[in-house]
């Protein structure tokens, strides 16, 4: 069995009104990205957010949807990521989570 190593990673973060938790989530993802062995992008999917979540994305890719469904928001992020980089390894985490620095390794 041959294992292939991805040449890039895209992390999708669905978020709906997550202004309280999104900054810590993104900070942890940025730490993980800095240690990643391959180029890593973060895509925040804002799902009908009415709070300040949009102002907290800090230059990451943003997709805006109005489905009010985390699965549909995640799918929209994966579709966006796949169109931009069809060979990327796709990862996902919730906007109220913080990942370990070696999460992408």
PDB file of N, CA and C in Angstrom:
ATOM      1  N   UNK A   1       0.842  -1.179   0.000  1.00  0.00           N
ATOM      2  CA  UNK A   1       0.000   0.000   0.000  1.00  0.00           C
ATOM      3  C   UNK A   1       0.884   1.237   0.000  1.00  0.00           C
ATOM      4  N   UNK A   2       0.595   2.131  -0.915  1.00  0.00           N
ATOM      5  CA  UNK A   2       1.359   3.366  -1.030  1.00  0.00           C
ATOM      6  C   UNK A   2       0.576   4.517  -0.406  1.00  0.00           C
ATOM      7  N   UNK A   3       1.242   5.288   0.410  1.00  0.00           N
ATOM      8  CA  UNK A   3       0.622   6.448   1.038  1.00  0.00           C
ATOM      9  C   UNK A   3       1.158   7.706   0.377  1.00  0.00           C
ATOM     10  N   UNK A   4       0.258   8.594   0.000  1.00  0.00           N
ATOM     11  CA  UNK A   4       0.691   9.852  -0.593  1.00  0.00           C
ATOM     12  C   UNK A   4       0.612  10.955   0.457  1.00  0.00           C
ATOM     13  N   UNK A   5       1.536  11.859   0.380  1.00  0.00           N
ATOM     14  CA  UNK A   5       1.582  12.992   1.292  1.00  0.00           C
ATOM     15  C   UNK A   5       0.934  14.178   0.587  1.00  0.00           C
ATOM     16  N   UNK A   6      -0.002  14.847   1.239  1.00  0.00           N
ATOM     17  CA  UNK A   6      -0.635  15.993   0.587  1.00  0.00           C
ATOM     18  C   UNK A   6       0.376  17.113   0.338  1.00  0.00           C
ATOM     19  N   UNK A   7       0.154  17.853  -0.735  1.00  0.00           N
ATOM     20  CA  UNK A   7       1.036  18.980  -1.035  1.00  0.00           C
ATOM     21  C   UNK A   7       0.502  20.280  -0.440  1.00  0.00           C
ATOM     22  N   UNK A   8      -0.748  20.248   0.037  1.00  0.00           N
ATOM     23  CA  UNK A   8      -1.326  21.407   0.706  1.00  0.00           C
ATOM     24  C   UNK A   8      -2.502  20.950   1.566  1.00  0.00           C
ATOM     25  N   UNK A   9      -2.902  21.822   2.481  1.00  0.00           N
ATOM     26  CA  UNK A   9      -4.014  21.538   3.390  1.00  0.00           C
ATOM     27  C   UNK A   9      -4.927  22.753   3.402  1.00  0.00           C
ATOM     28  N   UNK A  10      -6.230  22.500   3.458  1.00  0.00           N
ATOM     29  CA  UNK A  10      -7.212  23.567   3.660  1.00  0.00           C
ATOM     30  C   UNK A  10      -8.046  23.184   4.876  1.00  0.00           C
ATOM     31  N   UNK A  11      -8.137  24.116   5.820  1.00  0.00           N
ATOM     32  CA  UNK A  11      -8.935  23.907   7.030  1.00  0.00           C
ATOM     33  C   UNK A  11     -10.207  24.742   6.911  1.00  0.00           C
ATOM     34  N   UNK A  12     -11.352  24.082   6.991  1.00  0.00           N
ATOM     35  CA  UNK A  12     -12.649  24.750   6.885  1.00  0.00           C
ATOM     36  C   UNK A  12     -13.227  24.916   8.293  1.00  0.00           C
ATOM     37  N   UNK A  13     -13.673  26.150   8.576  1.00  0.00           N
ATOM     38  CA  UNK A  13     -14.234  26.474   9.889  1.00  0.00           C
ATOM     39  C   UNK A  13     -15.623  27.079   9.700  1.00  0.00           C
ATOM     40  N   UNK A  14     -16.694  26.277   9.832  1.00  0.00           N
ATOM     41  CA  UNK A  14     -18.030  26.865   9.781  1.00  0.00           C
ATOM     42  C   UNK A  14     -18.298  27.673  11.048  1.00  0.00           C
ATOM     43  N   UNK A  15     -18.925  28.840  10.888  1.00  0.00           N
ATOM     44  CA  UNK A  15     -19.166  29.705  12.046  1.00  0.00           C
ATOM     45  C   UNK A  15     -20.480  30.446  11.881  1.00  0.00           C
ATOM     46  N   UNK A  16     -21.287  30.411  12.910  1.00  0.00           N
ATOM     47  CA  UNK A  16     -22.511  31.208  12.953  1.00  0.00           C
ATOM     48  C   UNK A  16     -22.565  31.891  14.313  1.00  0.00           C
ATOM     49  N   UNK A  17     -22.400  33.193  14.295  1.00  0.00           N
ATOM     50  CA  UNK A  17     -22.422  33.984  15.526  1.00  0.00           C
ATOM     51  C   UNK A  17     -21.436  33.439  16.558  1.00  0.00           C
ATOM     52  N   UNK A  18     -20.183  33.359  16.153  1.00  0.00           N
ATOM     53  CA  UNK A  18     -19.128  32.810  17.003  1.00  0.00           C
ATOM     54  C   UNK A  18     -18.093  33.874  17.378  1.00  0.00           C
ATOM     55  N   UNK A  19     -18.500  35.124  17.475  1.00  0.00           N
ATOM     56  CA  UNK A  19     -17.555  36.206  17.771  1.00  0.00           C
ATOM     57  C   UNK A  19     -16.808  35.994  19.083  1.00  0.00           C
ATOM     58  N   UNK A  20     -17.416  35.312  20.027  1.00  0.00           N
ATOM     59  CA  UNK A  20     -16.764  35.092  21.321  1.00  0.00           C
ATOM     60  C   UNK A  20     -15.663  34.037  21.247  1.00  0.00           C
ATOM     61  N   UNK A  21     -15.774  33.090  20.327  1.00  0.00           N
ATOM     62  CA  UNK A  21     -14.825  31.966  20.300  1.00  0.00           C
ATOM     63  C   UNK A  21     -13.942  31.933  19.059  1.00  0.00           C
ATOM     64  N   UNK A  22     -14.342  32.598  17.996  1.00  0.00           N
ATOM     65  CA  UNK A  22     -13.600  32.542  16.733  1.00  0.00           C
ATOM     66  C   UNK A  22     -12.166  33.058  16.850  1.00  0.00           C
ATOM     67  N   UNK A  23     -11.890  34.143  17.572  1.00  0.00           N
ATOM     68  CA  UNK A  23     -10.497  34.600  17.656  1.00  0.00           C
ATOM     69  C   UNK A  23      -9.544  33.538  18.231  1.00  0.00           C
ATOM     70  N   UNK A  24      -9.942  32.861  19.287  1.00  0.00           N
ATOM     71  CA  UNK A  24      -9.084  31.827  19.875  1.00  0.00           C
ATOM     72  C   UNK A  24      -8.942  30.641  18.933  1.00  0.00           C
ATOM     73  N   UNK A  25     -10.018  30.288  18.260  1.00  0.00           N
ATOM     74  CA  UNK A  25      -9.957  29.196  17.280  1.00  0.00           C
ATOM     75  C   UNK A  25      -8.958  29.531  16.182  1.00  0.00           C
ATOM     76  N   UNK A  26      -9.090  30.719  15.607  1.00  0.00           N
ATOM     77  CA  UNK A  26      -8.196  31.103  14.516  1.00  0.00           C
ATOM     78  C   UNK A  26      -6.752  31.239  14.989  1.00  0.00           C
ATOM     79  N   UNK A  27      -6.549  31.722  16.189  1.00  0.00           N
ATOM     80  CA  UNK A  27      -5.187  31.819  16.720  1.00  0.00           C
ATOM     81  C   UNK A  27      -4.564  30.431  16.819  1.00  0.00           C
ATOM     82  N   UNK A  28      -5.328  29.455  17.291  1.00  0.00           N
ATOM     83  CA  UNK A  28      -4.789  28.101  17.392  1.00  0.00           C
ATOM     84  C   UNK A  28      -4.523  27.508  16.012  1.00  0.00           C
ATOM     85  N   UNK A  29      -5.398  27.799  15.058  1.00  0.00           N
ATOM     86  CA  UNK A  29      -5.190  27.299  13.690  1.00  0.00           C
ATOM     87  C   UNK A  29      -3.969  27.943  13.045  1.00  0.00           C
ATOM     88  N   UNK A  30      -3.749  29.209  13.334  1.00  0.00           N
ATOM     89  CA  UNK A  30      -2.562  29.885  12.779  1.00  0.00           C
ATOM     90  C   UNK A  30      -1.273  29.312  13.368  1.00  0.00           C
ATOM     91  N   UNK A  31      -1.308  28.960  14.649  1.00  0.00           N
ATOM     92  CA  UNK A  31      -0.132  28.304  15.251  1.00  0.00           C
ATOM     93  C   UNK A  31       0.111  26.954  14.583  1.00  0.00           C
ATOM     94  N   UNK A  32      -0.959  26.210  14.343  1.00  0.00           N
ATOM     95  CA  UNK A  32      -0.823  24.908  13.676  1.00  0.00           C
ATOM     96  C   UNK A  32      -0.338  25.088  12.241  1.00  0.00           C
ATOM     97  N   UNK A  33      -0.854  26.101  11.559  1.00  0.00           N
ATOM     98  CA  UNK A  33      -0.425  26.371  10.179  1.00  0.00           C
ATOM     99  C   UNK A  33       1.068  26.694  10.136  1.00  0.00           C
ATOM    100  N   UNK A  34       1.558  27.436  11.110  1.00  0.00           N
ATOM    101  CA  UNK A  34       2.975  27.811  11.139  1.00  0.00           C
ATOM    102  C   UNK A  34       3.881  26.586  11.268  1.00  0.00           C
ATOM    103  N   UNK A  35       3.380  25.537  11.871  1.00  0.00           N
ATOM    104  CA  UNK A  35       4.167  24.312  12.051  1.00  0.00           C
ATOM    105  C   UNK A  35       3.879  23.260  10.991  1.00  0.00           C
ATOM    106  N   UNK A  36       2.926  23.526  10.107  1.00  0.00           N
ATOM    107  CA  UNK A  36       2.530  22.536   9.097  1.00  0.00           C
ATOM    108  C   UNK A  36       3.665  22.301   8.100  1.00  0.00           C
ATOM    109  N   UNK A  37       3.824  21.064   7.653  1.00  0.00           N
ATOM    110  CA  UNK A  37       4.892  20.752   6.706  1.00  0.00           C
ATOM    111  C   UNK A  37       4.576  21.155   5.262  1.00  0.00           C
ATOM    112  N   UNK A  38       3.339  21.569   5.010  1.00  0.00           N
ATOM    113  CA  UNK A  38       2.928  21.973   3.660  1.00  0.00           C
ATOM    114  C   UNK A  38       2.119  23.259   3.758  1.00  0.00           C
ATOM    115  N   UNK A  39       1.963  23.986   2.655  1.00  0.00           N
ATOM    116  CA  UNK A  39       1.135  25.198   2.689  1.00  0.00           C
ATOM    117  C   UNK A  39      -0.278  24.873   3.196  1.00  0.00           C
ATOM    118  N   UNK A  40      -0.769  25.712   4.088  1.00  0.00           N
ATOM    119  CA  UNK A  40      -2.065  25.477   4.729  1.00  0.00           C
ATOM    120  C   UNK A  40      -2.888  26.752   4.707  1.00  0.00           C
ATOM    121  N   UNK A  41      -4.124  26.628   4.217  1.00  0.00           N
ATOM    122  CA  UNK A  41      -5.054  27.761   4.164  1.00  0.00           C
ATOM    123  C   UNK A  41      -6.178  27.524   5.153  1.00  0.00           C
ATOM    124  N   UNK A  42      -6.744  28.603   5.635  1.00  0.00           N
ATOM    125  CA  UNK A  42      -7.900  28.556   6.525  1.00  0.00           C
ATOM    126  C   UNK A  42      -9.062  29.233   5.807  1.00  0.00           C
ATOM    127  N   UNK A  43     -10.199  28.543   5.765  1.00  0.00           N
ATOM    128  CA  UNK A  43     -11.411  29.083   5.148  1.00  0.00           C
ATOM    129  C   UNK A  43     -12.493  29.148   6.221  1.00  0.00           C
ATOM    130  N   UNK A  44     -12.938  30.350   6.542  1.00  0.00           N
ATOM    131  CA  UNK A  44     -14.018  30.548   7.501  1.00  0.00           C
ATOM    132  C   UNK A  44     -15.318  30.670   6.716  1.00  0.00           C
ATOM    133  N   UNK A  45     -16.287  29.833   7.060  1.00  0.00           N
ATOM    134  CA  UNK A  45     -17.593  29.885   6.404  1.00  0.00           C
ATOM    135  C   UNK A  45     -18.566  30.541   7.366  1.00  0.00           C
ATOM    136  N   UNK A  46     -18.920  31.782   7.077  1.00  0.00           N
ATOM    137  CA  UNK A  46     -19.862  32.525   7.909  1.00  0.00           C
ATOM    138  C   UNK A  46     -21.272  32.169   7.476  1.00  0.00           C
ATOM    139  N   UNK A  47     -21.996  31.519   8.364  1.00  0.00           N
ATOM    140  CA  UNK A  47     -23.335  31.025   8.048  1.00  0.00           C
ATOM    141  C   UNK A  47     -24.396  31.911   8.695  1.00  0.00           C
ATOM    142  N   UNK A  48     -24.833  32.909   7.956  1.00  0.00           N
ATOM    143  CA  UNK A  48     -25.891  33.819   8.405  1.00  0.00           C
ATOM    144  C   UNK A  48     -25.562  34.468   9.744  1.00  0.00           C
ATOM    145  N   UNK A  49     -24.313  34.812   9.932  1.00  0.00           N
ATOM    146  CA  UNK A  49     -23.889  35.453  11.179  1.00  0.00           C
ATOM    147  C   UNK A  49     -24.412  36.874  11.255  1.00  0.00           C
ATOM    148  N   UNK A  50     -24.869  37.232  12.443  1.00  0.00           N
ATOM    149  CA  UNK A  50     -25.370  38.590  12.674  1.00  0.00           C
ATOM    150  C   UNK A  50     -24.537  39.318  13.722  1.00  0.00           C
ATOM    151  N   UNK A  51     -23.490  38.659  14.220  1.00  0.00           N
ATOM    152  CA  UNK A  51     -22.622  39.304  15.194  1.00  0.00           C
ATOM    153  C   UNK A  51     -21.355  39.802  14.501  1.00  0.00           C
ATOM    154  N   UNK A  52     -20.309  40.020  15.238  1.00  0.00           N
ATOM    155  CA  UNK A  52     -19.067  40.575  14.699  1.00  0.00           C
ATOM    156  C   UNK A  52     -18.108  39.516  14.148  1.00  0.00           C
ATOM    157  N   UNK A  53     -18.568  38.306  13.936  1.00  0.00           N
ATOM    158  CA  UNK A  53     -17.693  37.229  13.443  1.00  0.00           C
ATOM    159  C   UNK A  53     -16.938  37.633  12.176  1.00  0.00           C
ATOM    160  N   UNK A  54     -17.599  38.306  11.259  1.00  0.00           N
ATOM    161  CA  UNK A  54     -16.971  38.675   9.989  1.00  0.00           C
ATOM    162  C   UNK A  54     -15.751  39.568  10.193  1.00  0.00           C
ATOM    163  N   UNK A  55     -15.763  40.383  11.214  1.00  0.00           N
ATOM    164  CA  UNK A  55     -14.641  41.288  11.449  1.00  0.00           C
ATOM    165  C   UNK A  55     -13.465  40.596  12.139  1.00  0.00           C
ATOM    166  N   UNK A  56     -13.629  39.347  12.488  1.00  0.00           N
ATOM    167  CA  UNK A  56     -12.598  38.625  13.236  1.00  0.00           C
ATOM    168  C   UNK A  56     -11.839  37.603  12.408  1.00  0.00           C
ATOM    169  N   UNK A  57     -12.063  37.592  11.111  1.00  0.00           N
ATOM    170  CA  UNK A  57     -11.437  36.571  10.275  1.00  0.00           C
ATOM    171  C   UNK A  57      -9.988  36.891   9.942  1.00  0.00           C
ATOM    172  N   UNK A  58      -9.565  38.107  10.136  1.00  0.00           N
ATOM    173  CA  UNK A  58      -8.165  38.481  10.050  1.00  0.00           C
ATOM    174  C   UNK A  58      -7.440  38.108   8.781  1.00  0.00           C
ATOM    175  N   UNK A  59      -8.056  38.304   7.637  1.00  0.00           N
ATOM    176  CA  UNK A  59      -7.372  38.058   6.378  1.00  0.00           C
ATOM    177  C   UNK A  59      -7.463  36.634   5.858  1.00  0.00           C
ATOM    178  N   UNK A  60      -8.132  35.754   6.584  1.00  0.00           N
ATOM    179  CA  UNK A  60      -8.315  34.390   6.078  1.00  0.00           C
ATOM    180  C   UNK A  60      -9.374  34.406   4.977  1.00  0.00           C
ATOM    181  N   UNK A  61      -9.408  33.349   4.180  1.00  0.00           N
ATOM    182  CA  UNK A  61     -10.458  33.242   3.168  1.00  0.00           C
ATOM    183  C   UNK A  61     -11.811  33.151   3.872  1.00  0.00           C
ATOM    184  N   UNK A  62     -12.810  33.808   3.314  1.00  0.00           N
ATOM    185  CA  UNK A  62     -14.150  33.811   3.897  1.00  0.00           C
ATOM    186  C   UNK A  62     -15.166  33.451   2.829  1.00  0.00           C
ATOM    187  N   UNK A  63     -16.064  32.547   3.186  1.00  0.00           N
ATOM    188  CA  UNK A  63     -17.215  32.207   2.362  1.00  0.00           C
ATOM    189  C   UNK A  63     -18.438  32.572   3.190  1.00  0.00           C
ATOM    190  N   UNK A  64     -19.405  33.225   2.571  1.00  0.00           N
ATOM    191  CA  UNK A  64     -20.621  33.608   3.274  1.00  0.00           C
ATOM    192  C   UNK A  64     -21.799  32.829   2.712  1.00  0.00           C
ATOM    193  N   UNK A  65     -22.549  32.188   3.603  1.00  0.00           N
ATOM    194  CA  UNK A  65     -23.739  31.427   3.215  1.00  0.00           C
ATOM    195  C   UNK A  65     -24.883  31.800   4.141  1.00  0.00           C
ATOM    196  N   UNK A  66     -26.081  31.421   3.759  1.00  0.00           N
ATOM    197  CA  UNK A  66     -27.252  31.675   4.603  1.00  0.00           C
ATOM    198  C   UNK A  66     -28.069  30.400   4.701  1.00  0.00           C
ATOM    199  N   UNK A  67     -27.483  29.342   5.206  1.00  0.00           N
ATOM    200  CA  UNK A  67     -28.206  28.070   5.285  1.00  0.00           C
ATOM    201  C   UNK A  67     -28.567  27.674   6.713  1.00  0.00           C
ATOM    202  N   UNK A  68     -27.916  28.272   7.706  1.00  0.00           N
ATOM    203  CA  UNK A  68     -28.181  27.966   9.114  1.00  0.00           C
ATOM    204  C   UNK A  68     -28.115  26.460   9.393  1.00  0.00           C
ATOM    205  N   UNK A  69     -27.105  25.837   8.826  1.00  0.00           N
ATOM    206  CA  UNK A  69     -26.915  24.403   8.988  1.00  0.00           C
ATOM    207  C   UNK A  69     -25.424  24.127   8.909  1.00  0.00           C
ATOM    208  N   UNK A  70     -24.851  23.592   9.973  1.00  0.00           N
ATOM    209  CA  UNK A  70     -23.407  23.420  10.015  1.00  0.00           C
ATOM    210  C   UNK A  70     -22.907  22.474   8.928  1.00  0.00           C
ATOM    211  N   UNK A  71     -23.671  21.436   8.609  1.00  0.00           N
ATOM    212  CA  UNK A  71     -23.255  20.510   7.552  1.00  0.00           C
ATOM    213  C   UNK A  71     -23.230  21.179   6.194  1.00  0.00           C
ATOM    214  N   UNK A  72     -24.252  21.983   5.909  1.00  0.00           N
ATOM    215  CA  UNK A  72     -24.298  22.694   4.631  1.00  0.00           C
ATOM    216  C   UNK A  72     -23.201  23.759   4.563  1.00  0.00           C
ATOM    217  N   UNK A  73     -22.931  24.425   5.678  1.00  0.00           N
ATOM    218  CA  UNK A  73     -21.856  25.416   5.708  1.00  0.00           C
ATOM    219  C   UNK A  73     -20.511  24.739   5.479  1.00  0.00           C
ATOM    220  N   UNK A  74     -20.297  23.609   6.122  1.00  0.00           N
ATOM    221  CA  UNK A  74     -19.055  22.855   5.938  1.00  0.00           C
ATOM    222  C   UNK A  74     -18.910  22.443   4.473  1.00  0.00           C
ATOM    223  N   UNK A  75     -19.996  21.956   3.883  1.00  0.00           N
ATOM    224  CA  UNK A  75     -19.964  21.548   2.468  1.00  0.00           C
ATOM    225  C   UNK A  75     -19.626  22.724   1.563  1.00  0.00           C
ATOM    226  N   UNK A  76     -20.153  23.902   1.868  1.00  0.00           N
ATOM    227  CA  UNK A  76     -19.835  25.093   1.071  1.00  0.00           C
ATOM    228  C   UNK A  76     -18.350  25.426   1.177  1.00  0.00           C
ATOM    229  N   UNK A  77     -17.790  25.279   2.363  1.00  0.00           N
ATOM    230  CA  UNK A  77     -16.360  25.516   2.543  1.00  0.00           C
ATOM    231  C   UNK A  77     -15.527  24.507   1.778  1.00  0.00           C
ATOM    232  N   UNK A  78     -15.921  23.244   1.811  1.00  0.00           N
ATOM    233  CA  UNK A  78     -15.199  22.212   1.062  1.00  0.00           C
ATOM    234  C   UNK A  78     -15.289  22.462  -0.437  1.00  0.00           C
ATOM    235  N   UNK A  79     -16.460  22.905  -0.909  1.00  0.00           N
ATOM    236  CA  UNK A  79     -16.619  23.198  -2.336  1.00  0.00           C
ATOM    237  C   UNK A  79     -15.693  24.349  -2.734  1.00  0.00           C
ATOM    238  N   UNK A  80     -15.655  25.395  -1.940  1.00  0.00           N
ATOM    239  CA  UNK A  80     -14.770  26.531  -2.193  1.00  0.00           C
ATOM    240  C   UNK A  80     -13.313  26.074  -2.212  1.00  0.00           C
ATOM    241  N   UNK A  81     -12.936  25.303  -1.211  1.00  0.00           N
ATOM    242  CA  UNK A  81     -11.556  24.832  -1.106  1.00  0.00           C
ATOM    243  C   UNK A  81     -11.185  23.935  -2.272  1.00  0.00           C
ATOM    244  N   UNK A  82     -12.080  23.050  -2.661  1.00  0.00           N
ATOM    245  CA  UNK A  82     -11.809  22.140  -3.763  1.00  0.00           C
ATOM    246  C   UNK A  82     -11.668  22.850  -5.090  1.00  0.00           C
ATOM    247  N   UNK A  83     -12.423  23.910  -5.283  1.00  0.00           N
ATOM    248  CA  UNK A  83     -12.316  24.685  -6.518  1.00  0.00           C
ATOM    249  C   UNK A  83     -10.966  25.399  -6.585  1.00  0.00           C
ATOM    250  N   UNK A  84     -10.486  25.861  -5.439  1.00  0.00           N
ATOM    251  CA  UNK A  84      -9.223  26.597  -5.403  1.00  0.00           C
ATOM    252  C   UNK A  84      -8.017  25.663  -5.427  1.00  0.00           C
ATOM    253  N   UNK A  85      -8.152  24.493  -4.826  1.00  0.00           N
ATOM    254  CA  UNK A  85      -7.019  23.574  -4.707  1.00  0.00           C
ATOM    255  C   UNK A  85      -7.556  22.138  -4.654  1.00  0.00           C
ATOM    256  N   UNK A  86      -7.835  21.534  -5.819  1.00  0.00           N
ATOM    257  CA  UNK A  86      -8.497  20.227  -5.851  1.00  0.00           C
ATOM    258  C   UNK A  86      -7.686  19.082  -5.242  1.00  0.00           C
ATOM    259  N   UNK A  87      -6.389  19.249  -5.052  1.00  0.00           N
ATOM    260  CA  UNK A  87      -5.566  18.182  -4.496  1.00  0.00           C
ATOM    261  C   UNK A  87      -5.265  18.354  -3.007  1.00  0.00           C
ATOM    262  N   UNK A  88      -5.819  19.374  -2.394  1.00  0.00           N
ATOM    263  CA  UNK A  88      -5.533  19.646  -0.982  1.00  0.00           C
ATOM    264  C   UNK A  88      -6.203  18.617  -0.078  1.00  0.00           C
ATOM    265  N   UNK A  89      -5.553  18.354   1.034  1.00  0.00           N
ATOM    266  CA  UNK A  89      -6.167  17.587   2.115  1.00  0.00           C
ATOM    267  C   UNK A  89      -7.117  18.540   2.822  1.00  0.00           C
ATOM    268  N   UNK A  90      -8.373  18.150   2.989  1.00  0.00           N
ATOM    269  CA  UNK A  90      -9.368  19.009   3.616  1.00  0.00           C
ATOM    270  C   UNK A  90      -9.570  18.600   5.066  1.00  0.00           C
ATOM    271  N   UNK A  91      -9.458  19.561   5.965  1.00  0.00           N
ATOM    272  CA  UNK A  91      -9.705  19.354   7.380  1.00  0.00           C
ATOM    273  C   UNK A  91     -10.811  20.301   7.817  1.00  0.00           C
ATOM    274  N   UNK A  92     -11.434  19.996   8.936  1.00  0.00           N
ATOM    275  CA  UNK A  92     -12.506  20.849   9.441  1.00  0.00           C
ATOM    276  C   UNK A  92     -12.461  20.866  10.965  1.00  0.00           C
ATOM    277  N   UNK A  93     -12.782  22.013  11.521  1.00  0.00           N
ATOM    278  CA  UNK A  93     -12.966  22.131  12.962  1.00  0.00           C
ATOM    279  C   UNK A  93     -14.057  23.157  13.210  1.00  0.00           C
ATOM    280  N   UNK A  94     -14.613  23.123  14.384  1.00  0.00           N
ATOM    281  CA  UNK A  94     -15.664  24.074  14.732  1.00  0.00           C
ATOM    282  C   UNK A  94     -15.063  25.372  15.255  1.00  0.00           C
ATOM    283  N   UNK A  95     -15.811  26.450  15.119  1.00  0.00           N
ATOM    284  CA  UNK A  95     -15.325  27.778  15.507  1.00  0.00           C
ATOM    285  C   UNK A  95     -15.192  27.946  17.011  1.00  0.00           C
ATOM    286  N   UNK A  96     -15.722  27.020  17.785  1.00  0.00           N
ATOM    287  CA  UNK A  96     -15.575  27.102  19.244  1.00  0.00           C
ATOM    288  C   UNK A  96     -14.524  26.124  19.764  1.00  0.00           C
ATOM    289  N   UNK A  97     -13.678  25.632  18.856  1.00  0.00           N
ATOM    290  CA  UNK A  97     -12.613  24.690  19.230  1.00  0.00           C
ATOM    291  C   UNK A  97     -11.243  25.335  19.060  1.00  0.00           C
ATOM    292  N   UNK A  98     -10.301  24.839  19.820  1.00  0.00           N
ATOM    293  CA  UNK A  98      -8.904  25.223  19.662  1.00  0.00           C
ATOM    294  C   UNK A  98      -8.114  23.949  19.409  1.00  0.00           C
ATOM    295  N   UNK A  99      -7.246  23.975  18.382  1.00  0.00           N
ATOM    296  CA  UNK A  99      -6.473  22.796  18.030  1.00  0.00           C
ATOM    297  C   UNK A  99      -5.073  22.881  18.610  1.00  0.00           C
ATOM    298  N   UNK A 100      -4.436  21.724  18.710  1.00  0.00           N
ATOM    299  CA  UNK A 100      -3.065  21.647  19.195  1.00  0.00           C
ATOM    300  C   UNK A 100      -2.109  22.168  18.114  1.00  0.00           C
ATOM    301  N   UNK A 101      -0.953  22.678  18.486  1.00  0.00           N
ATOM    302  CA  UNK A 101      -0.012  23.218  17.492  1.00  0.00           C
ATOM    303  C   UNK A 101       0.431  22.207  16.438  1.00  0.00           C
ATOM    304  N   UNK A 102       0.412  20.936  16.758  1.00  0.00           N
ATOM    305  CA  UNK A 102       0.841  19.920  15.778  1.00  0.00           C
ATOM    306  C   UNK A 102      -0.338  19.264  15.063  1.00  0.00           C
ATOM    307  N   UNK A 103      -1.501  19.855  15.112  1.00  0.00           N
ATOM    308  CA  UNK A 103      -2.722  19.276  14.557  1.00  0.00           C
ATOM    309  C   UNK A 103      -2.618  18.990  13.057  1.00  0.00           C
ATOM    310  N   UNK A 104      -1.926  19.803  12.301  1.00  0.00           N
ATOM    311  CA  UNK A 104      -1.837  19.644  10.843  1.00  0.00           C
ATOM    312  C   UNK A 104      -0.718  18.691  10.451  1.00  0.00           C
ATOM    313  N   UNK A 105       0.142  18.338  11.346  1.00  0.00           N
ATOM    314  CA  UNK A 105       1.275  17.494  10.996  1.00  0.00           C
ATOM    315  C   UNK A 105       0.845  16.105  10.786  1.00  0.00           C
TER     316      UNK A 105
END
